[in-house]
C-alpha atoms as a PDB file:
ATOM      1  CA  MET A   1       0.295   0.110   0.190  1.00  0.00           C
ATOM      2  CA  ARG A   2       1.375   3.362  -0.654  1.00  0.00           C
ATOM      3  CA  TYR A   3       0.532   5.692   2.012  1.00  0.00           C
ATOM      4  CA  SER A   4       2.113   9.053  -0.465  1.00  0.00           C
ATOM      5  CA  SER A   5      -1.443   8.972  -1.994  1.00  0.00           C
ATOM      6  CA  GLN A   6      -2.397   9.442   2.068  1.00  0.00           C
ATOM      7  CA  VAL A   7      -1.080  12.058   2.757  1.00  0.00           C
ATOM      8  CA  LYS A   8      -3.264  15.047   4.460  1.00  0.00           C
ATOM      9  CA  PRO A   9      -2.179  18.213   6.136  1.00  0.00           C
ATOM     10  CA  ILE A  10      -3.395  19.409   9.430  1.00  0.00           C
ATOM     11  CA  SER A  11      -4.931  22.277   8.631  1.00  0.00           C
ATOM     12  CA  TYR A  12      -7.602  20.186   6.539  1.00  0.00           C
ATOM     13  CA  LEU A  13      -8.099  17.562   9.374  1.00  0.00           C
ATOM     14  CA  LYS A  14      -8.872  20.704  11.818  1.00  0.00           C
ATOM     15  CA  ALA A  15     -11.558  21.179   8.588  1.00  0.00           C
ATOM     16  CA  ASN A  16     -13.080  18.178   8.013  1.00  0.00           C
ATOM     17  CA  ALA A  17     -12.522  15.954  11.149  1.00  0.00           C
ATOM     18  CA  ALA A  18     -16.000  14.221  10.638  1.00  0.00           C
ATOM     19  CA  GLU A  19     -15.485  13.911   6.309  1.00  0.00           C
ATOM     20  CA  VAL A  20     -11.808  12.115   7.433  1.00  0.00           C
ATOM     21  CA  LEU A  21     -13.906  10.115  10.493  1.00  0.00           C
ATOM     22  CA  THR A  22     -16.048   8.326   7.772  1.00  0.00           C
ATOM     23  CA  THR A  23     -13.038   7.972   5.102  1.00  0.00           C
ATOM     24  CA  LEU A  24     -11.388   6.398   7.861  1.00  0.00           C
ATOM     25  CA  ALA A  25     -14.437   3.903   8.682  1.00  0.00           C
ATOM     26  CA  GLU A  26     -14.806   3.127   4.834  1.00  0.00           C
ATOM     27  CA  SER A  27     -11.507   2.905   3.236  1.00  0.00           C
ATOM     28  CA  ARG A  28     -10.017   1.591   6.146  1.00  0.00           C
ATOM     29  CA  GLU A  29      -6.079   3.287   5.418  1.00  0.00           C
ATOM     30  CA  PRO A  30      -4.283   5.051   7.370  1.00  0.00           C
ATOM     31  CA  LEU A  31      -3.864   8.855   6.367  1.00  0.00           C
ATOM     32  CA  VAL A  32      -0.330  10.944   7.175  1.00  0.00           C
ATOM     33  CA  ILE A  33      -1.136  14.040   8.963  1.00  0.00           C
ATOM     34  CA  THR A  34       1.553  16.787   8.210  1.00  0.00           C
ATOM     35  CA  GLN A  35       2.237  20.218   9.918  1.00  0.00           C
ATOM     36  CA  ASN A  36       4.707  22.178   8.548  1.00  0.00           C
ATOM     37  CA  GLY A  37       5.791  19.920   5.435  1.00  0.00           C
ATOM     38  CA  GLU A  38       7.020  16.859   7.809  1.00  0.00           C
ATOM     39  CA  ALA A  39       5.017  13.461   8.682  1.00  0.00           C
ATOM     40  CA  LYS A  40       4.077  13.852  12.117  1.00  0.00           C
ATOM     41  CA  ALA A  41       1.167  11.609  12.926  1.00  0.00           C
ATOM     42  CA  VAL A  42      -1.004   8.533  11.500  1.00  0.00           C
ATOM     43  CA  LEU A  43      -4.134   8.072  11.705  1.00  0.00           C
ATOM     44  CA  GLN A  44      -6.455   4.911  11.042  1.00  0.00           C
ATOM     45  CA  ASP A  45      -9.801   3.720  11.909  1.00  0.00           C
ATOM     46  CA  VAL A  46     -10.320   1.579  14.985  1.00  0.00           C
ATOM     47  CA  ALA A  47     -11.242  -1.613  13.680  1.00  0.00           C
ATOM     48  CA  SER A  48      -8.039  -1.591  11.788  1.00  0.00           C
ATOM     49  CA  PHE A  49      -6.017  -0.325  14.781  1.00  0.00           C
ATOM     50  CA  GLU A  50      -7.381  -3.729  16.924  1.00  0.00           C
ATOM     51  CA  GLU A  51      -6.382  -6.456  14.038  1.00  0.00           C
ATOM     52  CA  THR A  52      -3.009  -4.500  14.192  1.00  0.00           C
ATOM     53  CA  GLN A  53      -2.282  -4.967  18.136  1.00  0.00           C
ATOM     54  CA  GLN A  54      -3.797  -8.354  17.538  1.00  0.00           C
ATOM     55  CA  THR A  55      -1.694  -9.241  14.788  1.00  0.00           C
ATOM     56  CA  LEU A  56       1.641  -7.783  17.332  1.00  0.00           C
ATOM     57  CA  ALA A  57       0.640  -9.818  20.036  1.00  0.00           C
ATOM     58  CA  MET A  58       0.108 -12.541  17.904  1.00  0.00           C
ATOM     59  CA  LEU A  59       3.890 -11.955  16.483  1.00  0.00           C
ATOM     60  CA  LYS A  60       5.098 -11.665  19.721  1.00  0.00           C
ATOM     61  CA  VAL A  61       3.806 -14.827  21.196  1.00  0.00           C
ATOM     62  CA  LEU A  62       5.723 -16.469  18.157  1.00  0.00           C
ATOM     63  CA  ALA A  63       8.496 -14.880  18.798  1.00  0.00           C
ATOM     64  CA  LEU A  64       8.492 -15.686  21.891  1.00  0.00           C
ATOM     65  CA  GLY A  65       7.455 -19.436  21.194  1.00  0.00           C
ATOM     66  CA  ASN A  66      11.158 -19.008  18.870  1.00  0.00           C
ATOM     67  CA  GLN A  67      12.930 -18.256  22.225  1.00  0.00           C
ATOM     68  CA  GLU A  68      12.090 -20.922  23.913  1.00  0.00           C
ATOM     69  CA  VAL A  69      13.392 -23.589  21.076  1.00  0.00           C
ATOM     70  CA  ALA A  70      16.337 -22.062  20.613  1.00  0.00           C
ATOM     71  CA  ALA A  71      16.718 -22.481  24.913  1.00  0.00           C
ATOM     72  CA  GLY A  72      15.926 -25.825  24.251  1.00  0.00           C
ATOM     73  CA  LYS A  73      12.558 -25.305  26.552  1.00  0.00           C
ATOM     74  CA  VAL A  74      10.541 -27.785  24.279  1.00  0.00           C
ATOM     75  CA  LYS A  75       9.294 -31.424  24.719  1.00  0.00           C
ATOM     76  CA  PRO A  76       7.844 -34.067  23.063  1.00  0.00           C
ATOM     77  CA  ALA A  77       4.156 -33.393  21.511  1.00  0.00           C
ATOM     78  CA  SER A  78       3.543 -37.646  23.303  1.00  0.00           C
ATOM     79  CA  ASP A  79       4.915 -36.446  25.546  1.00  0.00           C
ATOM     80  CA  VAL A  80       2.571 -33.140  26.857  1.00  0.00           C
ATOM     81  CA  ILE A  81      -0.580 -35.113  24.967  1.00  0.00           C
ATOM     82  CA  ALA A  82      -0.732 -38.275  27.895  1.00  0.00           C
ATOM     83  CA  ARG A  83       0.173 -34.709  30.023  1.00  0.00           C
ATOM     84  CA  LEU A  84      -3.057 -33.692  29.623  1.00  0.00           C
ATOM     85  CA  ARG A  85      -4.819 -36.816  29.007  1.00  0.00           C
ATOM     86  CA  THR A  86      -3.567 -38.209  32.799  1.00  0.00           C
ATOM     87  CA  LYS A  87      -4.974 -34.154  33.935  1.00  0.00           C
ATOM     88  CA  THR A  88      -8.996 -35.094  31.549  1.00  0.00           C
ATOM     89  CA  ARG A  89      -9.469 -38.418  33.701  1.00  0.00           C
ATOM     90  CA  THR A  90      -8.683 -36.844  37.411  1.00  0.00           C
ATOM     91  CA  ALA A  91     -10.611 -34.034  36.933  1.00  0.00           C
END
């Protein structure tokens, strides 16, 4: 996705806030806000933000899992399944 087409000055945001919010929700594309010609902020709709946060959380879980594998903190799946079956029977 090219963000260059979604760049607006802060004055545009101030003058068209309601329209900007509607467009963000419909297009689900982020909007780069500039101030004095420099990119200062990125606006995005709430649904896209939540998806991004969920994706980041999943990536963090995967990274932690990879660290545990690299550190040798793993067990054979058959051992884990046997342990879970034992817990299920006693519960």
